[in-house]
Every structure is written in structure tokens, then in C-alpha cells.
Protein backbone atom coordinates (compact mmCIF):
# COMPACT_ATOMS: atom_id res chain seq x y z
CA UNK A 1 -17.85 27.18 -16.04
CA UNK A 2 -21.18 28.19 -14.52
CA UNK A 3 -24.11 25.85 -14.19
CA UNK A 4 -27.72 26.86 -14.01
CA UNK A 5 -29.13 25.95 -10.63
CA UNK A 6 -32.29 23.93 -10.36
CA UNK A 7 -35.06 24.80 -8.00
CA UNK A 8 -35.02 22.87 -4.73
CA UNK A 9 -36.49 19.41 -5.14
CA UNK A 10 -36.61 19.51 -8.92
CA UNK A 11 -33.99 18.62 -11.51
CA UNK A 12 -33.29 21.31 -14.09
CA UNK A 13 -34.89 20.57 -17.46
CA UNK A 14 -31.89 20.19 -19.75
CA UNK A 15 -32.00 19.39 -23.47
CA UNK A 16 -31.85 15.65 -22.71
CA UNK A 17 -34.51 15.78 -20.02
CA UNK A 18 -34.09 14.32 -16.51
CA UNK A 19 -30.98 12.18 -16.07
CA UNK A 20 -30.66 8.92 -14.14
CA UNK A 21 -27.10 8.34 -12.90
CA UNK A 22 -25.61 5.16 -11.46
CA UNK A 23 -22.22 5.00 -9.75
CA UNK A 24 -20.76 1.50 -9.56
CA UNK A 25 -18.65 -0.15 -6.91
CA UNK A 26 -14.90 -0.58 -7.14
CA UNK A 27 -13.25 0.95 -4.06
CA UNK A 28 -11.33 4.20 -4.31
CA UNK A 29 -10.81 3.60 -8.03
CA UNK A 30 -14.57 3.85 -8.49
CA UNK A 31 -14.90 6.88 -6.21
CA UNK A 32 -12.23 8.78 -8.19
CA UNK A 33 -13.60 7.76 -11.59
CA UNK A 34 -17.12 8.84 -10.61
CA UNK A 35 -15.78 12.13 -9.28
CA UNK A 36 -14.44 12.78 -12.78
CA UNK A 37 -17.81 11.87 -14.28
CA UNK A 38 -19.58 14.32 -11.96
CA UNK A 39 -17.15 17.08 -12.90
CA UNK A 40 -17.78 16.59 -16.62
CA UNK A 41 -21.53 16.73 -16.03
CA UNK A 42 -21.05 19.93 -14.07
CA UNK A 43 -18.83 21.57 -16.70
CA UNK A 44 -21.34 20.68 -19.41
CA UNK A 45 -24.16 22.17 -17.28
CA UNK A 46 -25.85 18.77 -17.04
CA UNK A 47 -25.37 17.87 -13.38
CA UNK A 48 -28.44 19.73 -12.15
CA UNK A 49 -30.52 17.59 -14.53
CA UNK A 50 -29.70 14.45 -12.51
CA UNK A 51 -32.99 13.41 -10.94
CA UNK A 52 -32.22 9.81 -9.96
CA UNK A 53 -29.05 8.53 -8.30
CA UNK A 54 -28.25 4.87 -7.59
CA UNK A 55 -24.88 4.06 -6.02
CA UNK A 56 -22.92 1.03 -4.84
CA UNK A 57 -19.89 0.63 -2.55
CA UNK A 58 -17.14 3.02 -3.70
CA UNK A 59 -19.78 4.86 -5.72
CA UNK A 60 -21.76 5.44 -2.53
CA UNK A 61 -18.82 7.21 -0.90
CA UNK A 62 -18.73 9.87 -3.62
CA UNK A 63 -22.49 9.83 -4.31
CA UNK A 64 -23.42 10.34 -0.67
CA UNK A 65 -20.79 13.07 -0.33
CA UNK A 66 -22.11 14.94 -3.37
CA UNK A 67 -25.76 14.64 -2.33
CA UNK A 68 -24.86 15.83 1.17
CA UNK A 69 -23.04 18.85 -0.27
CA UNK A 70 -26.23 19.77 -2.13
CA UNK A 71 -28.31 19.72 1.05
CA UNK A 72 -25.82 22.24 2.45
CA UNK A 73 -25.94 24.43 -0.67
CA UNK A 74 -22.24 24.05 -1.38
CA UNK A 75 -20.85 24.89 -4.80
CA UNK A 76 -19.63 22.02 -6.94
CA UNK A 77 -16.11 23.44 -6.91
CA UNK A 78 -16.02 23.31 -3.11
CA UNK A 79 -17.37 19.75 -3.06
CA UNK A 80 -14.92 18.63 -5.74
CA UNK A 81 -11.83 20.11 -4.10
CA UNK A 82 -12.82 18.89 -0.65
CA UNK A 83 -13.64 15.34 -1.74
CA UNK A 84 -10.51 14.98 -3.89
CA UNK A 85 -8.38 16.14 -0.97
CA UNK A 86 -10.00 13.53 1.26
CA UNK A 87 -9.41 10.82 -1.34
CA UNK A 88 -5.72 11.67 -1.43
CA UNK A 89 -5.11 12.13 2.28
CA UNK A 90 -7.60 10.00 4.21
CA UNK A 91 -7.38 6.25 4.72
CA UNK A 92 -10.47 5.15 6.64
CA UNK A 93 -9.36 1.52 6.91
CA UNK A 94 -6.13 2.57 8.64
CA UNK A 95 -8.03 4.80 11.04
CA UNK A 96 -10.49 1.94 11.59
CA UNK A 97 -7.63 -0.31 12.71
CA UNK A 98 -6.58 2.31 15.25
CA UNK A 99 -10.13 2.70 16.54
CA UNK A 100 -10.57 -1.06 16.80
CA UNK A 101 -7.46 -1.42 18.96
CA UNK A 102 -7.29 1.80 20.97
CA UNK A 103 -10.83 3.21 21.12
CA UNK A 104 -13.07 0.18 20.76
CA UNK A 105 -15.21 1.28 23.71
CA UNK A 106 -16.65 4.02 21.48
CA UNK A 107 -17.92 1.46 18.94
CA UNK A 108 -21.36 -0.19 19.09
CA UNK A 109 -19.57 -3.53 18.61
CA UNK A 110 -15.89 -4.39 18.43
CA UNK A 111 -15.70 -5.26 14.73
CA UNK A 112 -13.67 -3.86 11.86
CA UNK A 113 -16.77 -2.73 9.94
CA UNK A 114 -18.07 -0.81 12.97
CA UNK A 115 -14.66 0.85 13.22
CA UNK A 116 -14.74 1.56 9.47
CA UNK A 117 -18.10 3.31 9.87
CA UNK A 118 -16.64 5.41 12.69
CA UNK A 119 -13.64 6.30 10.51
CA UNK A 120 -15.89 7.29 7.59
CA UNK A 121 -17.94 9.44 9.94
CA UNK A 122 -14.79 11.10 11.25
CA UNK A 123 -13.05 11.65 7.90
CA UNK A 124 -15.94 12.18 5.46
CA UNK A 125 -19.39 12.76 6.90
CA UNK A 126 -19.05 14.51 10.25
CA UNK A 127 -22.12 13.07 12.03
CA UNK A 128 -24.41 13.75 9.05
CA UNK A 129 -27.63 11.74 9.09
CA UNK A 130 -29.70 10.15 6.37
CA UNK A 131 -32.51 12.46 7.42
CA UNK A 132 -30.76 15.47 5.88
CA UNK A 133 -31.90 14.26 2.45
CA UNK A 134 -35.51 14.45 3.66
CA UNK A 135 -35.15 17.81 5.37
CA UNK A 136 -33.57 19.76 2.50
CA UNK A 137 -34.94 19.23 -1.03
CA UNK A 138 -32.25 18.98 -3.72
CA UNK A 139 -32.30 18.42 -7.46
CA UNK A 140 -31.93 14.65 -6.99
CA UNK A 141 -35.45 13.43 -6.36
CA UNK A 142 -34.60 9.74 -5.96
CA UNK A 143 -31.51 8.71 -3.97
CA UNK A 144 -30.63 5.03 -3.56
CA UNK A 145 -27.60 3.72 -1.67
CA UNK A 146 -27.40 -0.03 -2.28
CA UNK A 147 -26.36 -2.78 0.14
CA UNK A 148 -27.06 -6.54 0.18
CA UNK A 149 -29.25 -8.34 2.71
CA UNK A 150 -27.29 -11.46 3.73
CA UNK A 151 -30.25 -12.99 5.51
CA UNK A 152 -32.44 -13.38 2.42
CA UNK A 153 -30.01 -12.55 -0.41
CA UNK A 154 -31.93 -9.51 -1.68
CA UNK A 155 -30.74 -5.97 -2.38
CA UNK A 156 -31.21 -3.64 0.58
CA UNK A 157 -31.93 -0.06 -0.47
CA UNK A 158 -31.28 2.95 1.72
CA UNK A 159 -33.43 5.26 -0.35
CA UNK A 160 -35.09 8.62 -0.29
CA UNK A 161 -37.97 8.69 -2.76
CA UNK A 162 -40.75 11.04 -3.76
CA UNK A 163 -43.06 8.07 -3.38
CA UNK A 164 -43.90 7.62 0.32
CA UNK A 165 -44.66 3.93 -0.35
CA UNK A 166 -41.10 3.19 -1.48
CA UNK A 167 -39.65 0.94 1.21
CA UNK A 168 -36.37 1.72 2.86
CA UNK A 169 -34.92 -1.79 2.83
CA UNK A 170 -36.50 -4.55 0.75
CA UNK A 171 -39.62 -6.68 0.52
CA UNK A 172 -38.57 -8.83 3.47
CA UNK A 173 -37.02 -6.31 5.82
CA UNK A 174 -37.71 -2.60 5.90
CA UNK A 175 -37.76 0.26 8.35
CA UNK A 176 -40.12 3.20 8.83
CA UNK A 177 -39.01 6.63 7.69
CA UNK A 178 -39.02 7.81 11.31
CA UNK A 179 -36.17 5.41 12.01
CA UNK A 180 -34.35 5.88 8.70
CA UNK A 181 -33.90 9.62 9.20
CA UNK A 182 -31.95 8.91 12.40
CA UNK A 183 -29.34 6.74 10.68
CA UNK A 184 -25.82 8.06 10.62
CA UNK A 185 -24.84 8.51 6.96
CA UNK A 186 -21.44 6.93 7.62
CA UNK A 187 -23.18 3.72 8.73
CA UNK A 188 -25.16 3.64 5.49
CA UNK A 189 -22.00 4.11 3.43
CA UNK A 190 -20.21 1.44 5.47
CA UNK A 191 -23.02 -1.04 4.78
CA UNK A 192 -22.92 -0.26 1.06
CA UNK A 193 -19.12 -0.73 0.90
CA UNK A 194 -18.75 -3.69 3.30
CA UNK A 195 -17.12 -6.07 0.83
CA UNK A 196 -16.78 -9.80 1.68
CA UNK A 197 -13.33 -10.92 2.65
CA UNK A 198 -12.31 -7.49 3.87
CA UNK A 199 -15.05 -6.96 6.45
CA UNK A 200 -17.56 -8.94 8.42
CA UNK A 201 -21.25 -8.07 7.83
CA UNK A 202 -22.55 -4.97 9.56
CA UNK A 203 -25.60 -5.80 11.65
CA UNK A 204 -28.61 -3.54 11.29
CA UNK A 205 -29.65 -1.86 13.54
CA UNK A 206 -27.35 -3.09 16.31
CA UNK A 207 -24.04 -2.05 14.69
CA UNK A 208 -25.35 1.40 13.72
CA UNK A 209 -24.91 4.44 15.95
CA UNK A 210 -28.18 5.96 17.20
CA UNK A 211 -29.04 8.98 19.28
CA UNK A 212 -31.55 6.95 21.31
CA UNK A 213 -30.33 3.40 20.77
CA UNK A 214 -32.74 1.65 23.13
CA UNK A 215 -35.79 3.31 21.61
CA UNK A 216 -34.72 2.46 18.05
CA UNK A 217 -33.97 -1.18 18.86
CA UNK A 218 -37.29 -1.53 20.65
CA UNK A 219 -39.25 0.00 17.76
CA UNK A 220 -37.55 -2.14 15.11
CA UNK A 221 -37.92 -5.30 17.18
CA UNK A 222 -41.68 -4.88 17.30
CA UNK A 223 -42.66 -4.64 13.63
CA UNK A 224 -40.46 -4.23 10.57
CA UNK A 225 -41.17 -6.46 7.62
CA UNK A 226 -41.93 -10.16 7.66
CA UNK A 227 -39.12 -10.68 10.16
CA UNK A 228 -38.39 -8.28 12.98
CA UNK A 229 -34.97 -6.91 13.84
CA UNK A 230 -34.73 -8.75 17.16
CA UNK A 231 -31.50 -10.18 15.78
CA UNK A 232 -29.12 -8.03 13.73
CA UNK A 233 -29.78 -8.09 9.99
CA UNK A 234 -26.42 -8.81 8.29
CA UNK A 235 -25.74 -6.31 5.51
CA UNK A 236 -22.81 -6.30 3.11
CA UNK A 237 -21.53 -4.60 -0.03
CA UNK A 238 -24.24 -3.71 -2.52
CA UNK A 239 -21.99 -5.03 -5.26
CA UNK A 240 -22.66 -8.60 -4.15
CA UNK A 241 -26.19 -8.34 -5.54
CA UNK A 242 -25.66 -5.68 -8.24
CA UNK A 243 -22.38 -3.80 -8.55
CA UNK A 244 -23.78 -1.22 -11.00
CA UNK A 245 -26.95 -0.40 -9.07
CA UNK A 246 -29.04 -1.06 -12.19
CA UNK A 247 -31.61 -3.26 -10.47
CA UNK A 248 -32.54 -0.47 -8.06
CA UNK A 249 -32.53 1.96 -10.97
CA UNK A 250 -35.05 -0.18 -12.86
CA UNK A 251 -37.32 -0.37 -9.81
CA UNK A 252 -37.19 3.42 -9.44
CA UNK A 253 -37.84 3.93 -13.17
CA UNK A 254 -40.84 1.58 -13.07
CA UNK A 255 -42.17 3.49 -10.08
CA UNK A 256 -41.58 6.77 -11.90
CA UNK A 257 -43.47 5.53 -14.96
CA UNK A 258 -46.56 4.89 -12.84
CA UNK A 259 -46.40 8.40 -11.41
CA UNK A 260 -46.83 11.84 -12.93
CA UNK A 261 -43.16 12.62 -13.55
CA UNK A 262 -41.38 13.44 -16.82
CA UNK A 263 -39.73 10.37 -18.37
CA UNK A 264 -35.99 9.92 -17.95
CA UNK A 265 -34.14 11.24 -20.98
CA UNK A 266 -30.70 9.76 -20.26
CA UNK A 267 -29.43 6.83 -18.19
CA UNK A 268 -25.73 7.35 -17.54
CA UNK A 269 -23.98 4.29 -16.08
CA UNK A 270 -20.63 5.27 -14.60
CA UNK A 271 -18.91 1.90 -14.29
CA UNK A 272 -15.46 1.42 -12.75
CA UNK A 273 -15.80 -2.36 -12.60
CA UNK A 274 -13.16 -4.63 -14.12
CA UNK A 275 -13.66 -5.50 -17.82
CA UNK A 276 -15.92 -8.48 -18.43
CA UNK A 277 -13.18 -10.31 -20.35
CA UNK A 278 -10.56 -9.94 -17.61
CA UNK A 279 -9.29 -13.33 -16.31
CA UNK A 280 -11.07 -14.29 -13.10
CA UNK A 281 -8.33 -16.66 -11.97
CA UNK A 282 -4.96 -17.68 -13.38
CA UNK A 283 -4.52 -21.45 -13.15
CA UNK A 284 -0.74 -21.49 -13.35
CA UNK A 285 0.29 -23.08 -10.05
CA UNK A 286 1.75 -26.57 -10.42
CA UNK A 287 1.23 -28.89 -7.43
CA UNK A 288 4.59 -29.75 -5.89
CA UNK A 289 5.42 -33.22 -4.63
CA UNK A 290 7.62 -33.76 -1.59
CA UNK A 291 9.51 -36.41 0.32
CA UNK A 292 7.31 -36.25 3.41
CA UNK A 293 3.58 -36.95 3.37
CA UNK A 294 0.88 -35.43 5.55
CA UNK A 295 0.42 -38.80 7.27
CA UNK A 296 4.13 -38.88 8.09
CA UNK A 297 3.92 -35.37 9.51
CA UNK A 298 1.02 -36.42 11.75
CA UNK A 299 2.90 -39.54 12.82
CA UNK A 300 5.96 -37.42 13.51
CA UNK A 301 3.87 -35.11 15.64
CA UNK A 302 2.66 -38.03 17.72
CA UNK A 303 6.20 -39.38 18.14
CA UNK A 304 7.42 -35.91 19.10
CA UNK A 305 4.63 -35.66 21.65
CA UNK A 306 5.70 -38.94 23.25
CA UNK A 307 9.37 -37.91 23.27
CA UNK A 308 8.54 -34.49 24.74
CA UNK A 309 6.35 -36.12 27.37
CA UNK A 310 9.14 -38.54 28.36
CA UNK A 311 11.72 -35.75 28.43
CA UNK A 312 9.45 -33.56 30.54
CA UNK A 313 8.86 -36.45 32.91
CA UNK A 314 12.56 -37.20 33.32
CA UNK A 315 13.46 -33.55 33.82
CA UNK A 316 10.60 -33.07 36.25
CA UNK A 317 11.73 -36.13 38.22
CA UNK A 318 15.26 -34.73 38.41
CA UNK A 319 14.02 -31.33 39.59
CA UNK A 320 11.85 -32.99 42.20
CA UNK A 321 14.74 -35.01 43.56
CA UNK A 322 16.97 -31.93 43.76
CA UNK A 323 14.31 -30.03 45.68
CA UNK A 324 13.46 -32.89 48.05
CA UNK A 325 17.08 -33.80 48.79
CA UNK A 326 18.22 -30.18 48.80
CA UNK A 327 21.09 -31.01 46.45
CA UNK A 328 20.80 -27.99 44.16
CA UNK A 329 24.17 -27.50 42.40
CA UNK A 330 23.72 -23.74 42.02
CA UNK A 331 20.95 -21.22 41.45
CA UNK A 332 21.62 -20.76 37.70
CA UNK A 333 21.47 -24.52 37.00
CA UNK A 334 18.14 -24.66 38.81
CA UNK A 335 16.73 -21.80 36.70
CA UNK A 336 17.92 -23.48 33.49
CA UNK A 337 16.36 -26.79 34.46
CA UNK A 338 13.08 -25.16 35.49
CA UNK A 339 12.87 -23.16 32.25
CA UNK A 340 13.62 -26.26 30.15
CA UNK A 341 10.93 -28.18 32.00
CA UNK A 342 8.39 -25.40 31.40
CA UNK A 343 9.21 -25.31 27.66
CA UNK A 344 8.87 -29.08 27.34
CA UNK A 345 5.59 -29.00 29.24
CA UNK A 346 4.28 -26.23 26.97
CA UNK A 347 5.30 -28.25 23.90
CA UNK A 348 3.41 -31.24 25.26
CA UNK A 349 0.27 -29.15 25.79
CA UNK A 350 0.46 -27.51 22.34
CA UNK A 351 1.03 -30.83 20.56
CA UNK A 352 -1.77 -32.48 22.51
CA UNK A 353 -4.27 -29.72 21.73
CA UNK A 354 -3.21 -29.57 18.07
CA UNK A 355 -3.52 -33.31 17.50
CA UNK A 356 -6.83 -33.41 19.35
CA UNK A 357 -8.14 -30.54 17.18
CA UNK A 358 -7.06 -32.37 14.01
CA UNK A 359 -8.82 -35.50 15.19
CA UNK A 360 -12.13 -33.86 16.05
CA UNK A 361 -12.29 -30.91 13.62
CA UNK A 362 -10.69 -32.41 10.52
CA UNK A 363 -10.54 -36.19 10.64
CA UNK A 364 -14.05 -36.55 12.09
CA UNK A 365 -16.13 -33.58 10.84
CA UNK A 366 -14.91 -33.50 7.22
CA UNK A 367 -15.70 -37.19 6.57
CA UNK A 368 -19.11 -36.74 8.21
CA UNK A 369 -19.96 -33.70 6.04
CA UNK A 370 -18.34 -34.70 2.76
CA UNK A 371 -17.87 -38.46 2.89
CA UNK A 372 -14.16 -37.90 2.17
CA UNK A 373 -11.57 -40.08 3.88
CA UNK A 374 -9.11 -37.35 4.81
CA UNK A 375 -6.26 -39.58 5.97
CA UNK A 376 -6.66 -42.12 3.20
CA UNK A 377 -7.24 -39.58 0.41
CA UNK A 378 -5.04 -36.65 1.37
CA UNK A 379 -2.64 -38.25 3.82
CA UNK A 380 -0.27 -39.43 1.09
CA UNK A 381 0.25 -35.88 -0.24
CA UNK A 382 3.17 -33.74 0.84
CA UNK A 383 2.35 -30.70 3.01
CA UNK A 384 3.43 -28.31 0.24
CA UNK A 385 1.25 -30.14 -2.28
CA UNK A 386 -1.72 -30.06 0.07
CA UNK A 387 -1.08 -26.35 0.69
CA UNK A 388 -1.10 -25.65 -3.05
CA UNK A 389 -4.36 -27.55 -3.47
CA UNK A 390 -5.98 -25.63 -0.63
CA UNK A 391 -4.74 -22.29 -2.04
CA UNK A 392 -6.15 -23.06 -5.48
CA UNK A 393 -9.50 -23.98 -3.95
CA UNK A 394 -9.55 -20.81 -1.86
CA UNK A 395 -8.77 -18.74 -4.96
CA UNK A 396 -11.52 -20.44 -6.95
CA UNK A 397 -14.06 -19.89 -4.16
CA UNK A 398 -13.07 -16.22 -3.94
CA UNK A 399 -13.34 -15.85 -7.73
CA UNK A 400 -16.75 -17.52 -7.68
CA UNK A 401 -18.20 -15.31 -4.96
CA UNK A 402 -16.55 -12.03 -5.96
CA UNK A 403 -16.20 -12.33 -9.74
CA UNK A 404 -18.20 -15.11 -11.41
CA UNK A 405 -21.52 -14.28 -9.77
CA UNK A 406 -20.98 -10.53 -10.06
CA UNK A 407 -19.97 -10.83 -13.72
CA UNK A 408 -23.13 -12.75 -14.58
CA UNK A 409 -25.32 -10.32 -12.65
CA UNK A 410 -23.58 -7.41 -14.39
CA UNK A 411 -24.14 -8.90 -17.84
CA UNK A 412 -27.78 -9.63 -16.98
CA UNK A 413 -28.43 -6.08 -15.74
CA UNK A 414 -26.86 -4.51 -18.81
CA UNK A 415 -28.86 -6.82 -21.06
CA UNK A 416 -32.07 -5.78 -19.30
CA UNK A 417 -31.27 -2.13 -19.93
CA UNK A 418 -30.40 -2.52 -23.61
CA UNK A 419 -33.32 -4.86 -24.35
CA UNK A 420 -35.86 -2.44 -22.85
CA UNK A 421 -37.53 -0.65 -25.77
CA UNK A 422 -38.13 2.50 -23.74
CA UNK A 423 -34.55 2.73 -22.47
CA UNK A 424 -32.23 1.21 -25.04
CA UNK A 425 -31.77 4.48 -26.93
CA UNK A 426 -31.30 6.42 -23.69
CA UNK A 427 -28.51 4.38 -22.10
CA UNK A 428 -24.90 5.57 -22.06
CA UNK A 429 -22.35 3.22 -20.49
CA UNK A 430 -19.34 5.12 -19.19
CA UNK A 431 -16.73 2.37 -18.67
CA UNK A 432 -13.32 2.96 -17.13
CA UNK A 433 -11.57 0.51 -19.47
CA UNK A 434 -13.46 1.46 -22.64
CA UNK A 435 -11.42 4.09 -24.46
CA UNK A 436 -8.18 2.15 -24.99
CA UNK A 437 -10.27 -0.46 -26.82
CA UNK A 438 -12.12 2.02 -29.02
CA UNK A 439 -9.23 4.32 -29.78
CA UNK A 440 -10.82 6.28 -32.63
CA UNK A 441 -13.93 8.47 -32.64
CA UNK A 442 -17.45 8.15 -31.28
CA UNK A 443 -19.22 8.43 -34.64
CA UNK A 444 -17.33 7.54 -37.80
CA UNK A 445 -20.16 8.69 -40.08
CA UNK A 446 -19.90 12.34 -39.09
CA UNK A 447 -17.85 15.01 -40.80
CA UNK A 448 -14.11 14.85 -40.22
CA UNK A 449 -14.07 18.21 -38.40
CA UNK A 450 -16.34 16.85 -35.66
CA UNK A 451 -14.43 13.66 -34.96
CA UNK A 452 -12.78 13.18 -31.58
CA UNK A 453 -9.28 11.85 -31.83
CA UNK A 454 -7.97 10.11 -28.74
CA UNK A 455 -4.40 11.13 -28.10
CA UNK A 456 -1.73 8.68 -27.00
CA UNK A 457 -1.59 10.51 -23.68
CA UNK A 458 -5.33 9.94 -23.12
CA UNK A 459 -4.99 6.26 -23.90
CA UNK A 460 -2.05 5.92 -21.50
CA UNK A 461 -3.97 7.69 -18.72
CA UNK A 462 -7.00 5.45 -19.35
CA UNK A 463 -4.83 2.31 -19.28
CA UNK A 464 -3.24 3.40 -16.02
CA UNK A 465 -6.64 4.15 -14.47
CA UNK A 466 -8.12 0.82 -15.60
CA UNK A 467 -5.20 -1.13 -14.17
CA UNK A 468 -5.54 0.35 -10.71
CA UNK A 469 -6.63 -2.40 -8.27
CA UNK A 470 -9.78 -2.21 -6.17
CA UNK A 471 -8.23 -0.73 -3.04
CA UNK A 472 -9.35 1.45 -0.14
CA UNK A 473 -6.67 4.10 -0.63
CA UNK A 474 -4.34 5.63 -3.21
CA UNK A 475 -0.60 5.10 -3.08
CA UNK A 476 0.20 8.52 -4.56
CA UNK A 477 -1.49 11.63 -5.92
CA UNK A 478 -0.67 10.80 -9.54
CA UNK A 479 -2.66 7.60 -9.19
CA UNK A 480 -5.79 9.38 -7.99
CA UNK A 481 -5.39 12.22 -10.51
CA UNK A 482 -5.11 9.70 -13.37
CA UNK A 483 -8.36 7.97 -12.41
CA UNK A 484 -10.25 11.26 -11.96
CA UNK A 485 -8.94 12.55 -15.28
CA UNK A 486 -9.93 9.29 -16.97
CA UNK A 487 -13.45 9.65 -15.58
CA UNK A 488 -13.66 13.19 -16.94
CA UNK A 489 -12.61 12.57 -20.53
CA UNK A 490 -14.32 9.16 -20.76
CA UNK A 491 -17.62 10.72 -19.71
CA UNK A 492 -17.11 13.64 -22.10
CA UNK A 493 -16.28 11.28 -24.97
CA UNK A 494 -19.38 9.14 -24.41
CA UNK A 495 -21.71 12.10 -23.91
CA UNK A 496 -20.55 13.72 -27.16
CA UNK A 497 -21.12 10.40 -28.90
CA UNK A 498 -24.65 10.18 -27.49
CA UNK A 499 -25.59 13.80 -28.23
CA UNK A 500 -24.33 13.56 -31.81
CA UNK A 501 -26.41 10.44 -32.39
CA UNK A 502 -29.47 12.12 -30.90
CA UNK A 503 -29.02 15.09 -33.23
CA UNK A 504 -28.82 12.76 -36.22
CA UNK A 505 -31.94 10.86 -35.12
CA UNK A 506 -33.95 14.08 -34.82
CA UNK A 507 -32.58 15.44 -38.09
CA UNK A 508 -33.81 12.32 -39.91
CA UNK A 509 -37.37 12.82 -38.66
CA UNK A 510 -39.67 15.22 -40.50
CA UNK A 511 -42.96 14.81 -38.64
CA UNK A 512 -42.16 16.36 -35.30
CA UNK A 513 -42.96 20.06 -34.84
CA UNK A 514 -40.45 20.61 -32.05
CA UNK A 515 -37.56 18.70 -33.61
CA UNK A 516 -35.84 21.83 -34.91
CA UNK A 517 -35.89 23.44 -31.47
CA UNK A 518 -34.65 20.22 -29.84
CA UNK A 519 -31.84 19.96 -32.38
CA UNK A 520 -30.76 23.51 -31.57
CA UNK A 521 -30.71 22.77 -27.84
CA UNK A 522 -28.74 19.60 -28.41
CA UNK A 523 -26.33 21.46 -30.68
CA UNK A 524 -25.67 23.95 -27.89
CA UNK A 525 -25.07 21.05 -25.49
CA UNK A 526 -22.71 19.47 -28.01
CA UNK A 527 -20.86 22.77 -28.26
CA UNK A 528 -20.42 22.91 -24.47
CA UNK A 529 -19.18 19.32 -24.41
CA UNK A 530 -16.74 20.02 -27.24
CA UNK A 531 -15.42 22.98 -25.28
CA UNK A 532 -14.90 20.70 -22.27
CA UNK A 533 -13.19 18.16 -24.52
CA UNK A 534 -10.72 20.71 -25.87
CA UNK A 535 -9.86 21.77 -22.33
CA UNK A 536 -9.30 18.13 -21.41
CA UNK A 537 -7.05 17.61 -24.42
CA UNK A 538 -4.85 20.43 -23.19
CA UNK A 539 -4.89 19.18 -19.60
CA UNK A 540 -3.96 15.62 -20.56
CA UNK A 541 -0.88 16.81 -22.43
CA UNK A 542 0.41 18.28 -19.16
CA UNK A 543 -0.27 15.11 -17.17
CA UNK A 544 2.95 13.22 -16.26
CA UNK A 545 2.20 9.77 -17.68
CA UNK A 546 4.65 7.23 -16.27
């Protein structure tokens, strides 16, 4: 299906007006879901109307790839086929492991995230730079790739804006455009998708690859924000601060409102995040008692150390006597005795170091920091019980940092969008887990002929897509195809819902001269979307749901 091309640097004026699009985080699941969303926009001739793009983590992988394809004047079909092939065949994290071990000399620093950036550059971006978005105007006027500043806790925005005063960074730390255009795009994507627990922070600018590294580091160390970049600025996944990219979207929309640009007609939030009612942690583990306590284990270690020390001393004395008196029974007996002595000596060293570490790192530091008597409080527990308690605490900390905080930020950002009088009627949330819950039609008040019936096959595909974990690769092609297909028909479903409601709103008004013309344009858009929907219905029936 053809799509009218916009003029360079300007979004095409569609019936809904300029579109703001956000692509959430969520690993490869998010990248595939958003790819489906982009395809539906393209098939409905709406993609060239996208004027503002805000992406996070997995959304940045596909968003940056699409924007880059536009600077190179590639057709959507070429971008789509190429990116989907990469999703199915490339595993950057596996390549990163190889680079970290075998080719670490090529990395700016020997860390997994630096290797991940190198793998992304090799498999996706081919030495492209952030400056290409400034050199070649495209229909997306505002591009924002979101990361999180772990020095001050603020969002860090790698952005290309029409407004020259828009900072690339944040209010505390930012860089001049002259430096930003030199950034390798793969480093930007790595910063946006550097999720805690999987990667260490990527340090800006030291962990980025530069053409003239010394010059860049010198420039940034002199004057960039309230704090200079003498030390690396730790950046991590943009989803830590805002996994939907809505905060950056609001900032860009506020900036747009102050400038002479047409107002945004549609805010499409493509969200592959887990459902808000999904359990954050399952408290099902029962602590297990045991016959041996931690204190007994420590005491046993000390006794074993003494026994090993005595045994090593006796064996060493015997070896010394044999050597001094030259009474070696045979060569093999000497080798056995020497090896046994070395093993006992190694055991003594390991036990000594381990017990010393426990004494200084656990029994001394923990009471000083927490006031907790480790031996008296935890020493009576069995090792398995203590292990269970530590595992549950680790799980709760992980849930707090990666789910609880993000869930509250997500709810807050959505609430801000829907409570904004200027935006509430323009927002369309495209959620990966939404359709199985709705199951009927977008607008029950419309005529029966216009209702969209979700087939069982669609629901099964959507369930399968929503259950895919947040991973950095796909296990099989059916998995990726299911998520892409879910993104396509979920976006189509929600856009038809929105367009139908807009038509009804305009039809109810009698005082607007241009309403009739707008209704006709929207009706044509609805017709295109319905055509896409019918094609999707046919395609889903052929999909092998397992």
C-alpha cells in the first residue's frame, strides 16, 4: 500500500494532524511490537504524519533504526524487512560476550555495556552517527532517545529538536551540538537500553567511541552543565525514569506549544510494558529449617582449619625428614606426599582468607552499618534458611527497583496525559496486553456492520505476545512474528476506535464550518484502516498459533 511522502523536515498533514509517537521499553518484545505498530501506521498512510518521536530502551532500537532509514531515503518495506531479519537472526548480547573476551582491546573500556554498544554498531547501525539526524531533514521534527542520568536521577535525553535551545542531556548535564553530532548511534542506543542488573552503567563520554577522543574529552571536561564531564557520567536504561517516554514527550509538547508549530492531533503510545496488575513478586517460598546452624558451620570451618593446619604440619615435617635424611621410599610416594601437602596448604590458605573475610566484611561492617548482631541474630538459622531469606530479600529489592518504582512512574505519566485538557481527547494507548481483556469491539454504540470482532486466533496471538518475557533475543521466528503481528492488529484496532469516536464528535457539532470536510477525511482514513484490518484478519487465520 503506497504512502504519500512528506517533504523533508516536515510531517505530512494527515486528517488527524501531526502525530506524536512514543515507543516504550521492554527488550526485543517491545522492539517487535513497535515494529508492528509502525507497519500499521505505514499501511494506513499515517506514518509520514509522525512529527515527534520519543523512545526508550527496546523502543529506541527500532525507533533509531527507522529514523536512520529515513535519513537514507529507504522505503518502509526495505526498513521493515531488514529490521525484522535482524531481530530474528542477531543477538547483540551474545556477540558482546565474544567481544568482551576475545576483542576487548577494541573497546573504550572492558565492560559488558561497552561490548554491547560495539555489537549493536556491528549488527544494526554500521558506524552511523547521531549527527545524521541533523544533516538530513526527515518528517520527524523532534527525535528523543531516552536514558537515565544515574548521577542526579534525572532523565537524559539524546534529542534532535527544531528548537536550538533544547538541551541534549538534562538540566544538570548537557553537551553542545558540536559534540552530540559525533556520537556513535550505537552508543546512544546502548545507553537507552542499559537495564540495571544486566549491564553496568555506560559512562559518558568515556565509554563512547569518538573519532577524536582526546579532543572530545577535553571539550566536555571544560564546560558542560553545572558539573563537567571530568569523571564519566553514569547512564542507564531510560525506563528507570520513564519507561514510556511520556515525560520527554510532555516537555517537547510544551516547547512546541510555545513555538509556531501546528498542534499535535494524535498522541499514540505504543506500550509493550507488562500489565499494571501483573504480580510484581510471588511470595510462595517457605523458609526451611535445618539441623545445622550458621554458627555451627562457622565453628566447623574453624575446626577444619585447625585440623588442616595440623595435618599440613605433620605431612610437611615428614617430607622434610625424608629429604634431609635421603630416605625417600620411591619417586611416586614422594610425588603423592608433595601433592597432598600442597592441597592441605591450599585448604589452609582458603579457609584462613574466607574466615578473615567473614570477620571483617560481614561480622564487623554489617553491625556497624545496620546495628544488627549478625552472629546472635542470624547465627542460629540453618544455611538453607538463611539462603532463602537472602533470596527473598534480593527478589524484593529487584522488584522494588525494576517494577514498583517503574509501575508508579508509569501510572503517574499516564494520569498526566489523560488529565491534560488539551491532550486527553488526543491520546491513544496501544497496549500489548490490551485486546484479550477487551475482546469485543472498539465502539459498542456504532452500527453492527462497523463493529470489529476479535477472532479467537487474534486473542491467542495477543496472549502469546503479552506473555513473552523481556529478553534480548527471540527463541524462534514464530515468537517474533507473533509479537509483530500483535503490534499490527492492536494498533489498527485502537486507531479505528479513535477515528470512529472523532467522526462521532464532529458529527455532533453543528457550528464548525469545516466539520463536514474533516468528517470526510476521517471517513477515508477509517476506510483505509478497515482495509488493513480485513487483511490482518486473513493473515491471522494463517498464523500457526501453538
